[in-house]
Amino acid sequence: MKVSKCRSFFFIEDFFPENVVAGFTSSAQPCDIADLANRLFPDFDGRLSLSYMNQLHGDRLRRISDPGVYDCDGLVTDKADHLLVVKTADCLPILCYDSKKKTISAIHLGWRSADKGILDSFTDCADMKFFLGVGLRQCCYQVGSDFFSKSGFRPYLEEKNGSIFFDPINFVKQYFLSRGGRPENLFDCRICSFCSAENFFSYRREKSIDRTFSFILQQ
């Protein structure tokens, strides 16, 4: 399992099946989301469908067949040549593949959507692969003391030098394993958006209005 770079894109290799293409953009050459499919797959000549989200920091996950822009924080499809995209600048993008249902998913996981249960739709992860993309890691995910009142977050909080930090990676990992997921089927890219100023956007670092696009397609 590795991440390789080609032009301004990073691609996930040796993790998803060969017919699944997944990865994320860098800040080196920002592109418009409407042009993303053509930039990624110029040989497809407009034959791809594209769907992304008006992300609401909620728990809604939608199963879709048609291309479009959806009000939710998670998309699932079993359609071939349908590119799903999640936009982030510190929240955690999760790209999923279910080998039994032959579905792909793109999820926007911020602390609000995590608290509201965006992952609860995945009740059985035995046949799933989860890729955790570019977003805040515990090193930079500072939160307030009110997070201790959220029982689901308490095991993933750490106090350092008078500040409190949330660990979203371990939060997702423990959820995945508790639903039957296998450790080898969870792949963390280990890139913190805040730390990685040269390649990725961060709202906390620079109030960026630009976003990293994480994408997944089943051919």
C-alpha atoms as a PDB file:
ATOM      1  CA  MET A   1       0.000   0.000   0.000  1.00  0.00           C
ATOM      2  CA  LYS A   2       1.401   3.361  -0.990  1.00  0.00           C
ATOM      3  CA  VAL A   3       0.586   6.798  -2.320  1.00  0.00           C
ATOM      4  CA  SER A   4       2.314   7.938  -5.511  1.00  0.00           C
ATOM      5  CA  LYS A   5       2.297  11.324  -7.235  1.00  0.00           C
ATOM      6  CA  CYS A   6       1.563  11.987 -10.901  1.00  0.00           C
ATOM      7  CA  ARG A   7       1.360  15.598 -12.064  1.00  0.00           C
ATOM      8  CA  SER A   8      -0.668  17.445  -9.397  1.00  0.00           C
ATOM      9  CA  PHE A   9      -2.476  14.293  -8.240  1.00  0.00           C
ATOM     10  CA  PHE A  10      -1.716  11.659  -5.628  1.00  0.00           C
ATOM     11  CA  PHE A  11      -2.960   8.114  -6.339  1.00  0.00           C
ATOM     12  CA  ILE A  12      -3.547   5.248  -3.904  1.00  0.00           C
ATOM     13  CA  GLU A  13      -1.793   2.085  -5.062  1.00  0.00           C
ATOM     14  CA  ASP A  14      -1.940  -1.585  -4.003  1.00  0.00           C
ATOM     15  CA  PHE A  15      -4.923  -1.107  -1.699  1.00  0.00           C
ATOM     16  CA  PHE A  16      -8.171  -0.973  -3.660  1.00  0.00           C
ATOM     17  CA  PRO A  17      -8.918  -3.465  -6.490  1.00  0.00           C
ATOM     18  CA  GLU A  18      -7.396  -2.671  -9.880  1.00  0.00           C
ATOM     19  CA  ASN A  19     -10.741  -1.419 -11.209  1.00  0.00           C
ATOM     20  CA  VAL A  20     -10.988   1.231  -8.477  1.00  0.00           C
ATOM     21  CA  VAL A  21      -9.094   4.488  -8.984  1.00  0.00           C
ATOM     22  CA  ALA A  22      -8.716   6.713  -5.939  1.00  0.00           C
ATOM     23  CA  GLY A  23      -6.557   9.559  -4.716  1.00  0.00           C
ATOM     24  CA  PHE A  24      -6.461  13.256  -3.919  1.00  0.00           C
ATOM     25  CA  THR A  25      -5.258  16.579  -5.278  1.00  0.00           C
ATOM     26  CA  SER A  26      -2.377  18.765  -4.123  1.00  0.00           C
ATOM     27  CA  SER A  27      -2.245  22.532  -3.714  1.00  0.00           C
ATOM     28  CA  ALA A  28       0.462  22.800  -6.402  1.00  0.00           C
ATOM     29  CA  GLN A  29      -2.065  23.180  -9.221  1.00  0.00           C
ATOM     30  CA  PRO A  30      -5.552  23.821  -7.846  1.00  0.00           C
ATOM     31  CA  CYS A  31      -8.303  22.831 -10.252  1.00  0.00           C
ATOM     32  CA  ASP A  32     -12.002  23.494 -10.471  1.00  0.00           C
ATOM     33  CA  ILE A  33     -14.100  20.570  -9.265  1.00  0.00           C
ATOM     34  CA  ALA A  34     -16.211  20.648 -12.431  1.00  0.00           C
ATOM     35  CA  ASP A  35     -13.052  20.045 -14.470  1.00  0.00           C
ATOM     36  CA  LEU A  36     -11.623  17.389 -12.172  1.00  0.00           C
ATOM     37  CA  ALA A  37     -12.847  14.373 -14.153  1.00  0.00           C
ATOM     38  CA  ASN A  38     -11.388  15.711 -17.411  1.00  0.00           C
ATOM     39  CA  ARG A  39      -8.066  16.491 -15.724  1.00  0.00           C
ATOM     40  CA  LEU A  40      -7.855  13.052 -14.157  1.00  0.00           C
ATOM     41  CA  PHE A  41      -9.107  10.979 -17.072  1.00  0.00           C
ATOM     42  CA  PRO A  42      -8.669  12.907 -20.345  1.00  0.00           C
ATOM     43  CA  ASP A  43      -9.110   9.729 -22.387  1.00  0.00           C
ATOM     44  CA  PHE A  44     -12.661   9.217 -21.133  1.00  0.00           C
ATOM     45  CA  ASP A  45     -13.846  12.142 -23.279  1.00  0.00           C
ATOM     46  CA  GLY A  46     -16.818  13.168 -21.123  1.00  0.00           C
ATOM     47  CA  ARG A  47     -18.066   9.640 -20.418  1.00  0.00           C
ATOM     48  CA  LEU A  48     -17.653   9.938 -16.653  1.00  0.00           C
ATOM     49  CA  SER A  49     -20.354  10.931 -14.203  1.00  0.00           C
ATOM     50  CA  LEU A  50     -19.353  13.291 -11.385  1.00  0.00           C
ATOM     51  CA  SER A  51     -20.962  13.756  -7.971  1.00  0.00           C
ATOM     52  CA  TYR A  52     -19.924  15.792  -4.979  1.00  0.00           C
ATOM     53  CA  MET A  53     -21.543  17.369  -1.934  1.00  0.00           C
ATOM     54  CA  ASN A  54     -22.728  20.572  -0.354  1.00  0.00           C
ATOM     55  CA  GLN A  55     -21.199  19.362   2.900  1.00  0.00           C
ATOM     56  CA  LEU A  56     -23.338  20.172   5.934  1.00  0.00           C
ATOM     57  CA  HIS A  57     -21.302  18.677   8.803  1.00  0.00           C
ATOM     58  CA  GLY A  58     -24.176  16.290   9.456  1.00  0.00           C
ATOM     59  CA  ASP A  59     -24.827  12.545   9.441  1.00  0.00           C
ATOM     60  CA  ARG A  60     -26.578  12.121   6.102  1.00  0.00           C
ATOM     61  CA  LEU A  61     -25.149   9.558   3.709  1.00  0.00           C
ATOM     62  CA  ARG A  62     -26.891   9.196   0.344  1.00  0.00           C
ATOM     63  CA  ARG A  63     -26.901   6.254  -2.043  1.00  0.00           C
ATOM     64  CA  ILE A  64     -26.962   7.686  -5.562  1.00  0.00           C
ATOM     65  CA  SER A  65     -27.215   6.589  -9.168  1.00  0.00           C
ATOM     66  CA  ASP A  66     -27.268   9.900 -11.007  1.00  0.00           C
ATOM     67  CA  PRO A  67     -24.547  12.560 -11.176  1.00  0.00           C
ATOM     68  CA  GLY A  68     -25.136  15.758  -9.270  1.00  0.00           C
ATOM     69  CA  VAL A  69     -24.442  17.901  -6.231  1.00  0.00           C
ATOM     70  CA  TYR A  70     -26.032  16.517  -3.075  1.00  0.00           C
ATOM     71  CA  ASP A  71     -26.766  18.030   0.348  1.00  0.00           C
ATOM     72  CA  CYS A  72     -25.074  15.495   2.618  1.00  0.00           C
ATOM     73  CA  ASP A  73     -21.719  14.395   4.029  1.00  0.00           C
ATOM     74  CA  GLY A  74     -21.431  10.999   2.396  1.00  0.00           C
ATOM     75  CA  LEU A  75     -22.072   9.486  -1.031  1.00  0.00           C
ATOM     76  CA  VAL A  76     -22.386   5.811  -2.002  1.00  0.00           C
ATOM     77  CA  THR A  77     -22.813   4.324  -5.474  1.00  0.00           C
ATOM     78  CA  ASP A  78     -22.547   0.979  -7.229  1.00  0.00           C
ATOM     79  CA  LYS A  79     -22.404   2.612 -10.671  1.00  0.00           C
ATOM     80  CA  ALA A  80     -19.343   2.240 -12.879  1.00  0.00           C
ATOM     81  CA  ASP A  81     -17.527   5.324 -14.186  1.00  0.00           C
ATOM     82  CA  HIS A  82     -19.098   7.499 -11.498  1.00  0.00           C
ATOM     83  CA  LEU A  83     -16.543   9.773  -9.825  1.00  0.00           C
ATOM     84  CA  LEU A  84     -17.305  10.642  -6.190  1.00  0.00           C
ATOM     85  CA  VAL A  85     -15.504  13.631  -4.661  1.00  0.00           C
ATOM     86  CA  VAL A  86     -15.199  14.979  -1.110  1.00  0.00           C
ATOM     87  CA  LYS A  87     -13.791  18.467  -0.408  1.00  0.00           C
ATOM     88  CA  THR A  88     -11.663  19.136   2.675  1.00  0.00           C
ATOM     89  CA  ALA A  89      -9.287  21.668   4.177  1.00  0.00           C
ATOM     90  CA  ASP A  90      -8.815  20.027   7.619  1.00  0.00           C
ATOM     91  CA  CYS A  91     -11.731  17.602   8.010  1.00  0.00           C
ATOM     92  CA  LEU A  92     -10.953  13.962   7.288  1.00  0.00           C
ATOM     93  CA  PRO A  93     -11.912  12.500   3.889  1.00  0.00           C
ATOM     94  CA  ILE A  94     -12.650   8.771   3.912  1.00  0.00           C
ATOM     95  CA  LEU A  95     -12.760   6.740   0.690  1.00  0.00           C
ATOM     96  CA  CYS A  96     -14.360   3.292   0.922  1.00  0.00           C
ATOM     97  CA  TYR A  97     -14.859   0.174  -1.153  1.00  0.00           C
ATOM     98  CA  ASP A  98     -17.228  -2.685  -0.291  1.00  0.00           C
ATOM     99  CA  SER A  99     -16.124  -5.870  -2.075  1.00  0.00           C
ATOM    100  CA  LYS A 100     -19.411  -7.670  -1.331  1.00  0.00           C
ATOM    101  CA  LYS A 101     -21.816  -4.937  -2.413  1.00  0.00           C
ATOM    102  CA  LYS A 102     -19.448  -3.580  -5.095  1.00  0.00           C
ATOM    103  CA  THR A 103     -19.985  -0.033  -3.907  1.00  0.00           C
ATOM    104  CA  ILE A 104     -17.676   2.935  -3.449  1.00  0.00           C
ATOM    105  CA  SER A 105     -18.162   5.719  -0.907  1.00  0.00           C
ATOM    106  CA  ALA A 106     -16.785   9.179  -0.196  1.00  0.00           C
ATOM    107  CA  ILE A 107     -17.272  10.584   3.312  1.00  0.00           C
ATOM    108  CA  HIS A 108     -16.641  13.999   4.866  1.00  0.00           C
ATOM    109  CA  LEU A 109     -15.741  13.457   8.523  1.00  0.00           C
ATOM    110  CA  GLY A 110     -15.488  16.557  10.685  1.00  0.00           C
ATOM    111  CA  TRP A 111     -15.990  16.409  14.439  1.00  0.00           C
ATOM    112  CA  ARG A 112     -19.638  17.416  14.056  1.00  0.00           C
ATOM    113  CA  SER A 113     -20.429  14.675  11.552  1.00  0.00           C
ATOM    114  CA  ALA A 114     -18.452  12.204  13.689  1.00  0.00           C
ATOM    115  CA  ASP A 115     -20.426  13.219  16.777  1.00  0.00           C
ATOM    116  CA  LYS A 116     -23.723  12.917  14.900  1.00  0.00           C
ATOM    117  CA  GLY A 117     -22.869   9.402  13.664  1.00  0.00           C
ATOM    118  CA  ILE A 118     -21.999   9.717   9.970  1.00  0.00           C
ATOM    119  CA  LEU A 119     -20.241   6.329  10.199  1.00  0.00           C
ATOM    120  CA  ASP A 120     -23.221   4.534  11.730  1.00  0.00           C
ATOM    121  CA  SER A 121     -24.516   3.606   8.269  1.00  0.00           C
ATOM    122  CA  PHE A 122     -21.609   1.174   8.007  1.00  0.00           C
ATOM    123  CA  THR A 123     -22.845  -1.512  10.384  1.00  0.00           C
ATOM    124  CA  ASP A 124     -20.729  -4.316   8.892  1.00  0.00           C
ATOM    125  CA  CYS A 125     -17.188  -3.512   7.728  1.00  0.00           C
ATOM    126  CA  ALA A 126     -16.031  -7.100   7.172  1.00  0.00           C
ATOM    127  CA  ASP A 127     -15.921  -6.660   3.389  1.00  0.00           C
ATOM    128  CA  MET A 128     -14.865  -3.019   3.364  1.00  0.00           C
ATOM    129  CA  LYS A 129     -11.679  -1.083   2.794  1.00  0.00           C
ATOM    130  CA  PHE A 130     -11.273   2.390   4.348  1.00  0.00           C
ATOM    131  CA  PHE A 131      -8.708   4.930   3.146  1.00  0.00           C
ATOM    132  CA  LEU A 132      -8.108   7.916   5.455  1.00  0.00           C
ATOM    133  CA  GLY A 133      -6.932  10.930   3.488  1.00  0.00           C
ATOM    134  CA  VAL A 134      -5.400  14.342   4.108  1.00  0.00           C
ATOM    135  CA  GLY A 135      -6.784  16.065   7.207  1.00  0.00           C
ATOM    136  CA  LEU A 136      -5.954  17.130  10.730  1.00  0.00           C
ATOM    137  CA  ARG A 137      -4.167  14.545  12.862  1.00  0.00           C
ATOM    138  CA  GLN A 138      -3.917  14.510  16.638  1.00  0.00           C
ATOM    139  CA  CYS A 139      -0.733  16.592  16.454  1.00  0.00           C
ATOM    140  CA  CYS A 140      -2.765  19.640  15.330  1.00  0.00           C
ATOM    141  CA  TYR A 141      -6.426  18.854  16.075  1.00  0.00           C
ATOM    142  CA  GLN A 142      -6.871  21.142  19.077  1.00  0.00           C
ATOM    143  CA  VAL A 143     -10.345  21.207  20.607  1.00  0.00           C
ATOM    144  CA  GLY A 144     -12.076  22.732  23.621  1.00  0.00           C
ATOM    145  CA  SER A 145     -12.698  21.195  27.052  1.00  0.00           C
ATOM    146  CA  ASP A 146     -16.358  20.718  26.090  1.00  0.00           C
ATOM    147  CA  PHE A 147     -15.250  17.697  24.057  1.00  0.00           C
ATOM    148  CA  PHE A 148     -14.932  15.752  27.311  1.00  0.00           C
ATOM    149  CA  SER A 149     -18.724  15.968  27.602  1.00  0.00           C
ATOM    150  CA  LYS A 150     -19.063  13.996  24.374  1.00  0.00           C
ATOM    151  CA  SER A 151     -18.735  10.424  25.599  1.00  0.00           C
ATOM    152  CA  GLY A 152     -17.894   9.037  22.167  1.00  0.00           C
ATOM    153  CA  PHE A 153     -14.837  11.286  21.940  1.00  0.00           C
ATOM    154  CA  ARG A 154     -13.332  10.807  25.425  1.00  0.00           C
ATOM    155  CA  PRO A 155     -11.081   7.826  24.549  1.00  0.00           C
ATOM    156  CA  TYR A 156      -9.587   9.829  21.684  1.00  0.00           C
ATOM    157  CA  LEU A 157      -8.652  13.012  23.571  1.00  0.00           C
ATOM    158  CA  GLU A 158      -5.209  13.841  24.909  1.00  0.00           C
ATOM    159  CA  GLU A 159      -4.112  16.751  27.085  1.00  0.00           C
ATOM    160  CA  LYS A 160      -0.727  18.284  26.234  1.00  0.00           C
ATOM    161  CA  ASN A 161       0.694  21.450  27.789  1.00  0.00           C
ATOM    162  CA  GLY A 162      -2.722  22.632  28.892  1.00  0.00           C
ATOM    163  CA  SER A 163      -4.383  22.021  25.517  1.00  0.00           C
ATOM    164  CA  ILE A 164      -6.678  19.213  24.367  1.00  0.00           C
ATOM    165  CA  PHE A 165      -6.195  17.318  21.103  1.00  0.00           C
ATOM    166  CA  PHE A 166      -8.570  14.955  19.289  1.00  0.00           C
ATOM    167  CA  ASP A 167      -7.379  11.838  17.429  1.00  0.00           C
ATOM    168  CA  PRO A 168      -9.745  11.330  14.452  1.00  0.00           C
ATOM    169  CA  ILE A 169      -7.632   8.509  12.999  1.00  0.00           C
ATOM    170  CA  ASN A 170      -7.958   6.289  16.039  1.00  0.00           C
ATOM    171  CA  PHE A 171     -11.641   7.251  16.281  1.00  0.00           C
ATOM    172  CA  VAL A 172     -12.273   5.863  12.773  1.00  0.00           C
ATOM    173  CA  LYS A 173      -9.951   2.897  13.262  1.00  0.00           C
ATOM    174  CA  GLN A 174     -11.714   1.689  16.408  1.00  0.00           C
ATOM    175  CA  TYR A 175     -15.118   2.098  14.753  1.00  0.00           C
ATOM    176  CA  PHE A 176     -13.936   0.136  11.718  1.00  0.00           C
ATOM    177  CA  LEU A 177     -12.482  -2.725  13.784  1.00  0.00           C
ATOM    178  CA  SER A 178     -15.517  -2.891  16.080  1.00  0.00           C
ATOM    179  CA  ARG A 179     -17.746  -3.467  13.011  1.00  0.00           C
ATOM    180  CA  GLY A 180     -15.719  -6.431  11.778  1.00  0.00           C
ATOM    181  CA  GLY A 181     -13.158  -4.572   9.692  1.00  0.00           C
ATOM    182  CA  ARG A 182      -9.687  -6.069   9.341  1.00  0.00           C
ATOM    183  CA  PRO A 183      -6.589  -4.013  10.201  1.00  0.00           C
ATOM    184  CA  GLU A 184      -5.034  -4.586   6.772  1.00  0.00           C
ATOM    185  CA  ASN A 185      -8.143  -3.069   5.163  1.00  0.00           C
ATOM    186  CA  LEU A 186      -7.639   0.339   6.754  1.00  0.00           C
ATOM    187  CA  PHE A 187      -4.974   2.560   5.192  1.00  0.00           C
ATOM    188  CA  ASP A 188      -4.018   5.921   6.703  1.00  0.00           C
ATOM    189  CA  CYS A 189      -2.054   8.242   4.393  1.00  0.00           C
ATOM    190  CA  ARG A 190      -0.565   9.906   7.523  1.00  0.00           C
ATOM    191  CA  ILE A 191      -0.661  13.396   6.046  1.00  0.00           C
ATOM    192  CA  CYS A 192      -1.741  16.210   8.355  1.00  0.00           C
ATOM    193  CA  SER A 193      -3.256  19.120   6.447  1.00  0.00           C
ATOM    194  CA  PHE A 194      -2.004  21.649   9.010  1.00  0.00           C
ATOM    195  CA  CYS A 195       1.589  20.356   9.061  1.00  0.00           C
ATOM    196  CA  SER A 196       1.865  19.917   5.283  1.00  0.00           C
ATOM    197  CA  ALA A 197       1.906  23.557   4.216  1.00  0.00           C
ATOM    198  CA  GLU A 198       3.798  22.913   0.977  1.00  0.00           C
ATOM    199  CA  ASN A 199       1.284  20.516  -0.584  1.00  0.00           C
ATOM    200  CA  PHE A 200      -2.151  20.840   1.028  1.00  0.00           C
ATOM    201  CA  PHE A 201      -4.698  23.434   2.098  1.00  0.00           C
ATOM    202  CA  SER A 202      -5.627  24.053   5.728  1.00  0.00           C
ATOM    203  CA  TYR A 203      -8.396  26.305   6.970  1.00  0.00           C
ATOM    204  CA  ARG A 204      -6.952  26.407  10.486  1.00  0.00           C
ATOM    205  CA  ARG A 205      -3.505  27.345   9.264  1.00  0.00           C
ATOM    206  CA  GLU A 206      -4.371  30.045   6.736  1.00  0.00           C
ATOM    207  CA  LYS A 207      -8.171  30.388   6.563  1.00  0.00           C
ATOM    208  CA  SER A 208      -7.918  28.884   3.091  1.00  0.00           C
ATOM    209  CA  ILE A 209     -10.997  28.977   0.878  1.00  0.00           C
ATOM    210  CA  ASP A 210      -9.415  26.339  -1.379  1.00  0.00           C
ATOM    211  CA  ARG A 211      -9.943  22.639  -0.827  1.00  0.00           C
ATOM    212  CA  THR A 212      -8.231  19.317  -1.346  1.00  0.00           C
ATOM    213  CA  PHE A 213     -10.369  17.036  -3.526  1.00  0.00           C
ATOM    214  CA  SER A 214     -10.330  13.343  -2.594  1.00  0.00           C
ATOM    215  CA  PHE A 215     -11.834  11.120  -5.276  1.00  0.00           C
ATOM    216  CA  ILE A 216     -12.825   7.527  -5.951  1.00  0.00           C
ATOM    217  CA  LEU A 217     -14.087   5.831  -9.132  1.00  0.00           C
ATOM    218  CA  GLN A 218     -15.099   2.272  -9.949  1.00  0.00           C
ATOM    219  CA  GLN A 219     -14.508   1.278 -13.560  1.00  0.00           C
END
